[in-house]
Amino acid sequence: MRKGSEKSQYNIRIDAKLLQRYKDFCKENGLDPQGQIVNFMKRIVDSEYLFQEKLWEVLTKDMK
């Protein structure tokens, strides 16, 4: 029997309005919100960016 990939759970705090905008965007575009986070993380790692810096940049882009 083959084992699946190792899984982790992350609990993060983000602004409620930002989370709602993200969920609305995903719903309007037929995207899975959790899947998009995983895809984003994979692209960051594949691109050899420092994940925390890039995530912060994306999350704060519209707040400036």
N, C-alpha and C. Protein backbone atom coordinates (compact mmCIF):
# COMPACT_ATOMS: atom_id res chain seq x y z
N MET A 1 0.84 -1.18 0.00
CA MET A 1 0.00 0.00 0.00
C MET A 1 0.89 1.24 0.00
N ARG A 2 0.62 2.17 -0.90
CA ARG A 2 1.41 3.38 -1.02
C ARG A 2 0.90 4.46 -0.07
N LYS A 3 1.83 5.10 0.60
CA LYS A 3 1.47 6.21 1.51
C LYS A 3 1.30 7.48 0.71
N GLY A 4 0.38 8.34 1.15
CA GLY A 4 0.22 9.65 0.53
C GLY A 4 1.31 10.58 0.99
N SER A 5 1.31 11.77 0.44
CA SER A 5 2.33 12.74 0.84
C SER A 5 2.07 13.22 2.27
N GLU A 6 3.14 13.62 2.94
CA GLU A 6 3.03 14.13 4.29
C GLU A 6 2.22 15.43 4.27
N LYS A 7 1.37 15.61 5.24
CA LYS A 7 0.51 16.79 5.28
C LYS A 7 0.78 17.57 6.57
N SER A 8 0.58 18.87 6.48
CA SER A 8 0.73 19.75 7.63
C SER A 8 -0.45 20.70 7.67
N GLN A 9 -0.75 21.19 8.84
CA GLN A 9 -1.82 22.17 8.99
C GLN A 9 -1.20 23.45 9.51
N TYR A 10 -1.59 24.57 8.90
CA TYR A 10 -1.09 25.87 9.33
C TYR A 10 -2.26 26.71 9.80
N ASN A 11 -2.07 27.36 10.91
CA ASN A 11 -3.06 28.29 11.43
C ASN A 11 -2.43 29.67 11.41
N ILE A 12 -2.99 30.55 10.60
CA ILE A 12 -2.47 31.90 10.50
C ILE A 12 -3.59 32.89 10.76
N ARG A 13 -3.21 34.05 11.21
CA ARG A 13 -4.18 35.12 11.44
C ARG A 13 -4.04 36.14 10.32
N ILE A 14 -5.15 36.42 9.67
CA ILE A 14 -5.16 37.45 8.64
C ILE A 14 -6.40 38.31 8.81
N ASP A 15 -6.35 39.46 8.24
CA ASP A 15 -7.46 40.40 8.31
C ASP A 15 -8.72 39.75 7.72
N ALA A 16 -9.84 39.88 8.41
CA ALA A 16 -11.10 39.26 7.97
C ALA A 16 -11.53 39.76 6.59
N LYS A 17 -11.33 41.04 6.32
CA LYS A 17 -11.72 41.59 5.01
C LYS A 17 -10.85 41.00 3.90
N LEU A 18 -9.58 40.84 4.17
CA LEU A 18 -8.68 40.25 3.19
C LEU A 18 -9.08 38.81 2.90
N LEU A 19 -9.39 38.05 3.95
CA LEU A 19 -9.81 36.66 3.77
C LEU A 19 -11.10 36.59 2.95
N GLN A 20 -12.04 37.47 3.24
CA GLN A 20 -13.30 37.46 2.50
C GLN A 20 -13.08 37.82 1.03
N ARG A 21 -12.22 38.80 0.76
CA ARG A 21 -11.90 39.17 -0.62
C ARG A 21 -11.27 38.00 -1.36
N TYR A 22 -10.38 37.30 -0.67
CA TYR A 22 -9.72 36.14 -1.26
C TYR A 22 -10.74 35.04 -1.57
N LYS A 23 -11.61 34.75 -0.62
CA LYS A 23 -12.64 33.73 -0.85
C LYS A 23 -13.56 34.12 -1.98
N ASP A 24 -13.96 35.40 -2.04
CA ASP A 24 -14.82 35.89 -3.12
C ASP A 24 -14.13 35.75 -4.47
N PHE A 25 -12.85 36.12 -4.52
CA PHE A 25 -12.08 36.00 -5.76
C PHE A 25 -12.06 34.55 -6.23
N CYS A 26 -11.76 33.64 -5.32
CA CYS A 26 -11.70 32.22 -5.68
C CYS A 26 -13.06 31.72 -6.16
N LYS A 27 -14.11 32.10 -5.47
CA LYS A 27 -15.45 31.67 -5.85
C LYS A 27 -15.82 32.21 -7.24
N GLU A 28 -15.55 33.49 -7.48
CA GLU A 28 -15.89 34.11 -8.77
C GLU A 28 -15.12 33.48 -9.92
N ASN A 29 -13.94 32.95 -9.64
CA ASN A 29 -13.09 32.38 -10.68
C ASN A 29 -13.04 30.85 -10.66
N GLY A 30 -13.92 30.24 -9.87
CA GLY A 30 -14.00 28.78 -9.82
C GLY A 30 -12.76 28.11 -9.27
N LEU A 31 -12.11 28.77 -8.31
CA LEU A 31 -10.87 28.25 -7.74
C LEU A 31 -11.09 27.70 -6.34
N ASP A 32 -10.30 26.72 -5.96
CA ASP A 32 -10.32 26.16 -4.61
C ASP A 32 -9.40 27.00 -3.74
N PRO A 33 -9.92 27.69 -2.71
CA PRO A 33 -9.07 28.57 -1.89
C PRO A 33 -7.85 27.85 -1.28
N GLN A 34 -8.05 26.66 -0.72
CA GLN A 34 -6.94 25.94 -0.13
C GLN A 34 -5.94 25.51 -1.20
N GLY A 35 -6.46 25.06 -2.32
CA GLY A 35 -5.60 24.64 -3.41
C GLY A 35 -4.75 25.78 -3.94
N GLN A 36 -5.31 26.99 -3.97
CA GLN A 36 -4.56 28.13 -4.46
C GLN A 36 -3.41 28.48 -3.53
N ILE A 37 -3.62 28.34 -2.22
CA ILE A 37 -2.53 28.58 -1.26
C ILE A 37 -1.41 27.58 -1.49
N VAL A 38 -1.78 26.31 -1.67
CA VAL A 38 -0.77 25.28 -1.90
C VAL A 38 -0.02 25.56 -3.21
N ASN A 39 -0.75 25.92 -4.27
CA ASN A 39 -0.11 26.25 -5.54
C ASN A 39 0.83 27.44 -5.39
N PHE A 40 0.40 28.44 -4.64
CA PHE A 40 1.23 29.62 -4.41
C PHE A 40 2.52 29.22 -3.68
N MET A 41 2.38 28.42 -2.64
CA MET A 41 3.54 27.99 -1.87
C MET A 41 4.51 27.21 -2.76
N LYS A 42 3.97 26.32 -3.59
CA LYS A 42 4.83 25.53 -4.48
C LYS A 42 5.57 26.42 -5.47
N ARG A 43 4.87 27.39 -6.06
CA ARG A 43 5.53 28.30 -7.00
C ARG A 43 6.64 29.09 -6.32
N ILE A 44 6.39 29.52 -5.10
CA ILE A 44 7.41 30.28 -4.37
C ILE A 44 8.64 29.41 -4.13
N VAL A 45 8.42 28.21 -3.64
CA VAL A 45 9.54 27.31 -3.37
C VAL A 45 10.27 26.98 -4.67
N ASP A 46 9.52 26.70 -5.71
CA ASP A 46 10.13 26.38 -7.00
C ASP A 46 10.94 27.55 -7.55
N SER A 47 10.53 28.74 -7.23
CA SER A 47 11.22 29.93 -7.72
C SER A 47 12.36 30.36 -6.80
N GLU A 48 12.55 29.63 -5.72
CA GLU A 48 13.61 29.88 -4.75
C GLU A 48 13.49 31.25 -4.06
N TYR A 49 12.26 31.71 -3.91
CA TYR A 49 12.04 32.94 -3.15
C TYR A 49 11.90 32.59 -1.68
N LEU A 50 12.20 33.52 -0.84
CA LEU A 50 11.95 33.33 0.58
C LEU A 50 10.44 33.45 0.80
N PHE A 51 9.81 32.38 1.20
CA PHE A 51 8.35 32.31 1.27
C PHE A 51 7.73 33.42 2.12
N GLN A 52 8.25 33.64 3.30
CA GLN A 52 7.64 34.61 4.19
C GLN A 52 7.67 36.02 3.60
N GLU A 53 8.78 36.40 2.99
CA GLU A 53 8.88 37.75 2.41
C GLU A 53 7.90 37.91 1.25
N LYS A 54 7.82 36.92 0.38
CA LYS A 54 6.94 37.00 -0.78
C LYS A 54 5.47 37.00 -0.35
N LEU A 55 5.13 36.16 0.61
CA LEU A 55 3.75 36.11 1.11
C LEU A 55 3.37 37.45 1.72
N TRP A 56 4.25 38.02 2.53
CA TRP A 56 3.98 39.31 3.14
C TRP A 56 3.80 40.39 2.07
N GLU A 57 4.64 40.36 1.06
CA GLU A 57 4.54 41.32 -0.04
C GLU A 57 3.18 41.23 -0.73
N VAL A 58 2.74 40.02 -1.01
CA VAL A 58 1.45 39.82 -1.68
C VAL A 58 0.31 40.25 -0.78
N LEU A 59 0.36 39.87 0.48
CA LEU A 59 -0.74 40.17 1.39
C LEU A 59 -0.84 41.66 1.71
N THR A 60 0.26 42.38 1.69
CA THR A 60 0.23 43.80 2.04
C THR A 60 0.19 44.72 0.82
N LYS A 61 0.24 44.16 -0.36
CA LYS A 61 0.29 44.97 -1.59
C LYS A 61 -0.87 45.97 -1.67
N ASP A 62 -2.08 45.50 -1.39
CA ASP A 62 -3.26 46.37 -1.50
C ASP A 62 -3.45 47.26 -0.29
N MET A 63 -2.72 47.03 0.78
CA MET A 63 -2.88 47.84 1.99
C MET A 63 -2.09 49.13 1.91
N LYS A 64 -1.15 49.22 0.98
CA LYS A 64 -0.28 50.40 0.91
C LYS A 64 -0.99 51.55 0.26
